[in-house]
Amino acid sequence: MTLKAELQRLRDLDWRELDVREAGTWPISLKVICHLLVLGGLFWAMNWYVAAPRAELLERARSEERELIQRYESKAYQAASLPTMRKQMGELEARMAVLLEMLPTGVEVPALIDNISDTAHDNQLTIDFIRLLEPKPQEFYTEQPFDIQVQGDYHRIAAFLSGVAGLPRIVTLHDFKLVPAEQTDTLRLSMLAKTYNHRSESQP
């Protein structure tokens, strides 16, 4: 039977009268189509029940592999950078030690105030007051503020500020207020000075 005749039989076929029990009498082309459909269904089922789970496991394994490689590269970089990091840590600790030495202890605060007073006298300033305020505990240090008010001419006040900034202990200056002093030809400087005490872990 020719292909043309087989296709004609397929076109003339009444699909409503097809009976699976009479499949042996179906046209060859219809049998081929049915076999292809069955094979396609079997292939899809095998892929769904067998290949798909394995593909998912494979993708998961590849993802874990990429993550492990990234971790390895990170650890390798850290290991290679360890000598440099240790050197930098040593430098930071040395700088921290120098800064801590510049912070006055609690018993040194009165001596620091004496140094500020001496600096004012050295620059021929009149001290109205140097008043110690309540300390303010912070997380790693205690802030010790005090008010300062002095009188003198502009250049001597500038020299006084420079001298305070150059003291061996750390002192920061804030809230400057410079106004003419009453009934004199001088200026009055009011400001807030702060020094800091390092808080050890044992301190509350």
C-alpha atoms as a PDB file:
ATOM      1  CA  MET A   1       0.000   0.000   0.000  1.00  0.00           C
ATOM      2  CA  THR A   2       1.353   3.362  -0.996  1.00  0.00           C
ATOM      3  CA  LEU A   3       1.839   6.287   1.366  1.00  0.00           C
ATOM      4  CA  LYS A   4      -0.776   8.269  -0.556  1.00  0.00           C
ATOM      5  CA  ALA A   5      -3.360   5.531  -0.113  1.00  0.00           C
ATOM      6  CA  GLU A   6      -2.520   5.229   3.591  1.00  0.00           C
ATOM      7  CA  LEU A   7      -2.991   8.956   4.122  1.00  0.00           C
ATOM      8  CA  GLN A   8      -6.303   8.777   2.267  1.00  0.00           C
ATOM      9  CA  ARG A   9      -7.482   5.991   4.608  1.00  0.00           C
ATOM     10  CA  LEU A  10      -6.473   8.169   7.572  1.00  0.00           C
ATOM     11  CA  ARG A  11      -8.483  11.118   6.225  1.00  0.00           C
ATOM     12  CA  ASP A  12     -11.520   8.933   5.513  1.00  0.00           C
ATOM     13  CA  LEU A  13     -11.421   7.400   8.992  1.00  0.00           C
ATOM     14  CA  ASP A  14     -14.415   8.075  11.242  1.00  0.00           C
ATOM     15  CA  TRP A  15     -12.734   8.809  14.572  1.00  0.00           C
ATOM     16  CA  ARG A  16     -15.978   8.302  16.483  1.00  0.00           C
ATOM     17  CA  GLU A  17     -16.140   4.640  15.410  1.00  0.00           C
ATOM     18  CA  LEU A  18     -12.631   3.753  16.582  1.00  0.00           C
ATOM     19  CA  ASP A  19     -12.520   0.845  19.031  1.00  0.00           C
ATOM     20  CA  VAL A  20      -9.361  -0.069  20.906  1.00  0.00           C
ATOM     21  CA  ARG A  21     -10.367  -3.732  20.744  1.00  0.00           C
ATOM     22  CA  GLU A  22     -10.162  -3.499  16.941  1.00  0.00           C
ATOM     23  CA  ALA A  23      -6.788  -1.734  16.915  1.00  0.00           C
ATOM     24  CA  GLY A  24      -5.382  -4.458  14.683  1.00  0.00           C
ATOM     25  CA  THR A  25      -7.558  -3.243  11.811  1.00  0.00           C
ATOM     26  CA  TRP A  26      -6.535   0.402  12.149  1.00  0.00           C
ATOM     27  CA  PRO A  27      -4.548   2.019   9.355  1.00  0.00           C
ATOM     28  CA  ILE A  28      -0.792   1.673   9.702  1.00  0.00           C
ATOM     29  CA  SER A  29      -0.362   5.445   9.919  1.00  0.00           C
ATOM     30  CA  LEU A  30      -2.769   5.583  12.867  1.00  0.00           C
ATOM     31  CA  LYS A  31      -0.897   2.762  14.577  1.00  0.00           C
ATOM     32  CA  VAL A  32       2.367   4.664  14.082  1.00  0.00           C
ATOM     33  CA  ILE A  33       0.843   7.818  15.577  1.00  0.00           C
ATOM     34  CA  CYS A  34      -0.467   5.875  18.576  1.00  0.00           C
ATOM     35  CA  HIS A  35       2.907   4.212  19.111  1.00  0.00           C
ATOM     36  CA  LEU A  36       4.622   7.609  18.999  1.00  0.00           C
ATOM     37  CA  LEU A  37       2.156   9.011  21.522  1.00  0.00           C
ATOM     38  CA  VAL A  38       2.711   6.051  23.841  1.00  0.00           C
ATOM     39  CA  LEU A  39       6.486   6.348  23.509  1.00  0.00           C
ATOM     40  CA  GLY A  40       6.268  10.098  24.155  1.00  0.00           C
ATOM     41  CA  GLY A  41       4.177   9.489  27.262  1.00  0.00           C
ATOM     42  CA  LEU A  42       6.621   6.869  28.519  1.00  0.00           C
ATOM     43  CA  PHE A  43       9.550   9.203  27.897  1.00  0.00           C
ATOM     44  CA  TRP A  44       7.811  12.036  29.756  1.00  0.00           C
ATOM     45  CA  ALA A  45       6.970   9.721  32.672  1.00  0.00           C
ATOM     46  CA  MET A  46      10.549   8.452  32.878  1.00  0.00           C
ATOM     47  CA  ASN A  47      11.859  12.000  32.794  1.00  0.00           C
ATOM     48  CA  TRP A  48       9.411  13.117  35.490  1.00  0.00           C
ATOM     49  CA  TYR A  49       9.908  10.208  37.873  1.00  0.00           C
ATOM     50  CA  VAL A  50      13.560   9.360  37.243  1.00  0.00           C
ATOM     51  CA  ALA A  51      15.546  12.069  35.477  1.00  0.00           C
ATOM     52  CA  ALA A  52      13.956  15.171  37.057  1.00  0.00           C
ATOM     53  CA  PRO A  53      14.770  14.243  40.697  1.00  0.00           C
ATOM     54  CA  ARG A  54      18.322  13.365  39.699  1.00  0.00           C
ATOM     55  CA  ALA A  55      18.657  16.652  37.830  1.00  0.00           C
ATOM     56  CA  GLU A  56      17.460  18.477  40.946  1.00  0.00           C
ATOM     57  CA  LEU A  57      19.997  16.598  43.075  1.00  0.00           C
ATOM     58  CA  LEU A  58      22.711  17.429  40.554  1.00  0.00           C
ATOM     59  CA  GLU A  59      21.823  21.129  40.602  1.00  0.00           C
ATOM     60  CA  ARG A  60      21.799  21.103  44.399  1.00  0.00           C
ATOM     61  CA  ALA A  61      25.213  19.435  44.431  1.00  0.00           C
ATOM     62  CA  ARG A  62      26.550  22.044  41.995  1.00  0.00           C
ATOM     63  CA  SER A  63      25.172  24.832  44.194  1.00  0.00           C
ATOM     64  CA  GLU A  64      26.841  23.322  47.267  1.00  0.00           C
ATOM     65  CA  GLU A  65      30.054  22.965  45.283  1.00  0.00           C
ATOM     66  CA  ARG A  66      29.990  26.659  44.322  1.00  0.00           C
ATOM     67  CA  GLU A  67      29.335  27.624  47.948  1.00  0.00           C
ATOM     68  CA  LEU A  68      32.208  25.450  49.177  1.00  0.00           C
ATOM     69  CA  ILE A  69      34.533  26.956  46.565  1.00  0.00           C
ATOM     70  CA  GLN A  70      33.564  30.469  47.674  1.00  0.00           C
ATOM     71  CA  ARG A  71      34.197  29.530  51.315  1.00  0.00           C
ATOM     72  CA  TYR A  72      37.546  28.023  50.400  1.00  0.00           C
ATOM     73  CA  GLU A  73      38.563  31.128  48.446  1.00  0.00           C
ATOM     74  CA  SER A  74      37.505  33.345  51.366  1.00  0.00           C
ATOM     75  CA  LYS A  75      39.458  31.233  53.877  1.00  0.00           C
ATOM     76  CA  ALA A  76      42.469  31.146  51.560  1.00  0.00           C
ATOM     77  CA  TYR A  77      42.389  34.946  51.235  1.00  0.00           C
ATOM     78  CA  GLN A  78      42.122  35.352  54.997  1.00  0.00           C
ATOM     79  CA  ALA A  79      45.006  32.951  55.541  1.00  0.00           C
ATOM     80  CA  ALA A  80      47.144  34.823  53.004  1.00  0.00           C
ATOM     81  CA  SER A  81      46.250  38.161  54.628  1.00  0.00           C
ATOM     82  CA  LEU A  82      46.830  36.949  58.193  1.00  0.00           C
ATOM     83  CA  PRO A  83      50.450  38.213  58.523  1.00  0.00           C
ATOM     84  CA  THR A  84      49.441  41.665  57.247  1.00  0.00           C
ATOM     85  CA  MET A  85      46.405  41.735  59.531  1.00  0.00           C
ATOM     86  CA  ARG A  86      48.552  40.783  62.527  1.00  0.00           C
ATOM     87  CA  LYS A  87      51.005  43.553  61.685  1.00  0.00           C
ATOM     88  CA  GLN A  88      48.190  46.101  61.371  1.00  0.00           C
ATOM     89  CA  MET A  89      46.686  44.888  64.641  1.00  0.00           C
ATOM     90  CA  GLY A  90      50.026  45.358  66.368  1.00  0.00           C
ATOM     91  CA  GLU A  91      50.300  48.900  64.996  1.00  0.00           C
ATOM     92  CA  LEU A  92      46.762  49.713  66.165  1.00  0.00           C
ATOM     93  CA  GLU A  93      47.477  48.339  69.630  1.00  0.00           C
ATOM     94  CA  ALA A  94      50.644  50.444  69.828  1.00  0.00           C
ATOM     95  CA  ARG A  95      48.721  53.571  68.809  1.00  0.00           C
ATOM     96  CA  MET A  96      46.009  52.759  71.329  1.00  0.00           C
ATOM     97  CA  ALA A  97      48.609  52.393  74.071  1.00  0.00           C
ATOM     98  CA  VAL A  98      50.050  55.825  73.208  1.00  0.00           C
ATOM     99  CA  LEU A  99      46.588  57.418  73.268  1.00  0.00           C
ATOM    100  CA  LEU A 100      45.707  55.757  76.571  1.00  0.00           C
ATOM    101  CA  GLU A 101      48.886  57.172  78.096  1.00  0.00           C
ATOM    102  CA  MET A 102      47.671  60.635  77.074  1.00  0.00           C
ATOM    103  CA  LEU A 103      44.399  60.202  78.975  1.00  0.00           C
ATOM    104  CA  PRO A 104      44.583  61.355  82.585  1.00  0.00           C
ATOM    105  CA  THR A 105      43.536  59.026  85.355  1.00  0.00           C
ATOM    106  CA  GLY A 106      41.021  60.155  87.945  1.00  0.00           C
ATOM    107  CA  VAL A 107      43.751  61.260  90.358  1.00  0.00           C
ATOM    108  CA  GLU A 108      45.494  63.248  87.596  1.00  0.00           C
ATOM    109  CA  VAL A 109      42.513  65.494  86.769  1.00  0.00           C
ATOM    110  CA  PRO A 110      43.328  68.030  89.541  1.00  0.00           C
ATOM    111  CA  ALA A 111      46.909  68.181  88.260  1.00  0.00           C
ATOM    112  CA  LEU A 112      45.560  68.783  84.746  1.00  0.00           C
ATOM    113  CA  ILE A 113      43.475  71.696  86.025  1.00  0.00           C
ATOM    114  CA  ASP A 114      46.613  73.071  87.689  1.00  0.00           C
ATOM    115  CA  ASN A 115      48.406  72.829  84.326  1.00  0.00           C
ATOM    116  CA  ILE A 116      45.610  74.785  82.639  1.00  0.00           C
ATOM    117  CA  SER A 117      45.745  77.377  85.412  1.00  0.00           C
ATOM    118  CA  ASP A 118      49.531  77.665  85.035  1.00  0.00           C
ATOM    119  CA  THR A 119      49.119  78.117  81.266  1.00  0.00           C
ATOM    120  CA  ALA A 120      46.687  80.985  81.887  1.00  0.00           C
ATOM    121  CA  HIS A 121      49.077  82.639  84.356  1.00  0.00           C
ATOM    122  CA  ASP A 122      52.026  82.175  81.984  1.00  0.00           C
ATOM    123  CA  ASN A 123      50.071  84.157  79.381  1.00  0.00           C
ATOM    124  CA  GLN A 124      49.135  86.840  81.958  1.00  0.00           C
ATOM    125  CA  LEU A 125      45.420  86.071  81.865  1.00  0.00           C
ATOM    126  CA  THR A 126      43.014  86.679  84.713  1.00  0.00           C
ATOM    127  CA  ILE A 127      41.193  83.483  85.698  1.00  0.00           C
ATOM    128  CA  ASP A 128      37.556  84.060  86.606  1.00  0.00           C
ATOM    129  CA  PHE A 129      37.029  80.365  87.321  1.00  0.00           C
ATOM    130  CA  ILE A 130      37.924  76.825  86.298  1.00  0.00           C
ATOM    131  CA  ARG A 131      34.952  74.764  87.433  1.00  0.00           C
ATOM    132  CA  LEU A 132      34.883  70.966  87.390  1.00  0.00           C
ATOM    133  CA  LEU A 133      31.549  69.506  86.197  1.00  0.00           C
ATOM    134  CA  GLU A 134      29.938  66.114  86.698  1.00  0.00           C
ATOM    135  CA  PRO A 135      31.648  63.293  84.755  1.00  0.00           C
ATOM    136  CA  LYS A 136      29.662  61.643  81.953  1.00  0.00           C
ATOM    137  CA  PRO A 137      30.280  57.886  81.606  1.00  0.00           C
ATOM    138  CA  GLN A 138      30.297  56.584  78.030  1.00  0.00           C
ATOM    139  CA  GLU A 139      30.643  53.025  76.746  1.00  0.00           C
ATOM    140  CA  PHE A 140      34.457  52.877  76.671  1.00  0.00           C
ATOM    141  CA  TYR A 141      35.502  56.046  78.478  1.00  0.00           C
ATOM    142  CA  THR A 142      34.370  58.662  80.969  1.00  0.00           C
ATOM    143  CA  GLU A 143      34.049  62.236  79.777  1.00  0.00           C
ATOM    144  CA  GLN A 144      35.200  64.794  82.340  1.00  0.00           C
ATOM    145  CA  PRO A 145      34.042  68.337  81.428  1.00  0.00           C
ATOM    146  CA  PHE A 146      34.903  71.600  83.137  1.00  0.00           C
ATOM    147  CA  ASP A 147      34.049  75.255  82.537  1.00  0.00           C
ATOM    148  CA  ILE A 148      36.806  77.787  82.003  1.00  0.00           C
ATOM    149  CA  GLN A 149      36.512  81.566  81.996  1.00  0.00           C
ATOM    150  CA  VAL A 150      39.521  83.872  81.652  1.00  0.00           C
ATOM    151  CA  GLN A 151      40.193  87.504  80.726  1.00  0.00           C
ATOM    152  CA  GLY A 152      42.972  89.089  78.689  1.00  0.00           C
ATOM    153  CA  ASP A 153      43.838  90.546  75.312  1.00  0.00           C
ATOM    154  CA  TYR A 154      43.269  88.697  72.048  1.00  0.00           C
ATOM    155  CA  HIS A 155      46.850  87.531  71.449  1.00  0.00           C
ATOM    156  CA  ARG A 156      47.332  86.250  75.005  1.00  0.00           C
ATOM    157  CA  ILE A 157      44.037  84.356  74.834  1.00  0.00           C
ATOM    158  CA  ALA A 158      45.139  82.793  71.536  1.00  0.00           C
ATOM    159  CA  ALA A 159      48.457  81.769  73.119  1.00  0.00           C
ATOM    160  CA  PHE A 160      46.551  80.298  76.075  1.00  0.00           C
ATOM    161  CA  LEU A 161      44.361  78.176  73.783  1.00  0.00           C
ATOM    162  CA  SER A 162      47.423  76.950  71.922  1.00  0.00           C
ATOM    163  CA  GLY A 163      49.103  76.065  75.216  1.00  0.00           C
ATOM    164  CA  VAL A 164      46.084  74.095  76.463  1.00  0.00           C
ATOM    165  CA  ALA A 165      45.881  72.203  73.170  1.00  0.00           C
ATOM    166  CA  GLY A 166      49.569  71.327  73.523  1.00  0.00           C
ATOM    167  CA  LEU A 167      49.324  69.834  77.016  1.00  0.00           C
ATOM    168  CA  PRO A 168      50.621  66.245  77.301  1.00  0.00           C
ATOM    169  CA  ARG A 169      47.155  65.050  78.351  1.00  0.00           C
ATOM    170  CA  ILE A 170      44.290  65.078  75.854  1.00  0.00           C
ATOM    171  CA  VAL A 171      42.025  68.106  76.299  1.00  0.00           C
ATOM    172  CA  THR A 172      39.374  69.119  73.760  1.00  0.00           C
ATOM    173  CA  LEU A 173      37.878  72.623  73.717  1.00  0.00           C
ATOM    174  CA  HIS A 174      34.234  73.417  72.918  1.00  0.00           C
ATOM    175  CA  ASP A 175      31.558  76.137  73.016  1.00  0.00           C
ATOM    176  CA  PHE A 176      33.852  79.142  72.706  1.00  0.00           C
ATOM    177  CA  LYS A 177      32.393  82.512  73.624  1.00  0.00           C
ATOM    178  CA  LEU A 178      34.594  85.604  73.331  1.00  0.00           C
ATOM    179  CA  VAL A 179      33.089  88.943  74.418  1.00  0.00           C
ATOM    180  CA  PRO A 180      34.418  92.281  75.687  1.00  0.00           C
ATOM    181  CA  ALA A 181      34.918  92.256  79.442  1.00  0.00           C
ATOM    182  CA  GLU A 182      32.885  94.765  81.434  1.00  0.00           C
ATOM    183  CA  GLN A 183      34.601  98.033  82.466  1.00  0.00           C
ATOM    184  CA  THR A 184      37.956  96.927  80.986  1.00  0.00           C
ATOM    185  CA  ASP A 185      39.716  96.959  77.629  1.00  0.00           C
ATOM    186  CA  THR A 186      40.193  93.184  77.689  1.00  0.00           C
ATOM    187  CA  LEU A 187      38.223  90.240  76.338  1.00  0.00           C
ATOM    188  CA  ARG A 188      36.473  87.518  78.288  1.00  0.00           C
ATOM    189  CA  LEU A 189      36.740  83.934  77.021  1.00  0.00           C
ATOM    190  CA  SER A 190      34.227  81.344  78.202  1.00  0.00           C
ATOM    191  CA  MET A 191      34.508  77.761  77.000  1.00  0.00           C
ATOM    192  CA  LEU A 192      33.878  74.144  77.867  1.00  0.00           C
ATOM    193  CA  ALA A 193      36.924  71.884  78.098  1.00  0.00           C
ATOM    194  CA  LYS A 194      36.784  68.096  78.181  1.00  0.00           C
ATOM    195  CA  THR A 195      39.251  65.425  79.081  1.00  0.00           C
ATOM    196  CA  TYR A 196      38.674  61.680  79.050  1.00  0.00           C
ATOM    197  CA  ASN A 197      39.408  58.697  81.281  1.00  0.00           C
ATOM    198  CA  HIS A 198      39.661  55.195  79.873  1.00  0.00           C
ATOM    199  CA  ARG A 199      37.130  52.813  81.402  1.00  0.00           C
ATOM    200  CA  SER A 200      38.389  49.299  82.038  1.00  0.00           C
ATOM    201  CA  GLU A 201      36.033  46.314  81.804  1.00  0.00           C
ATOM    202  CA  SER A 202      35.996  46.041  85.606  1.00  0.00           C
ATOM    203  CA  GLN A 203      34.630  49.561  86.012  1.00  0.00           C
ATOM    204  CA  PRO A 204      30.819  49.922  86.242  1.00  0.00           C
END
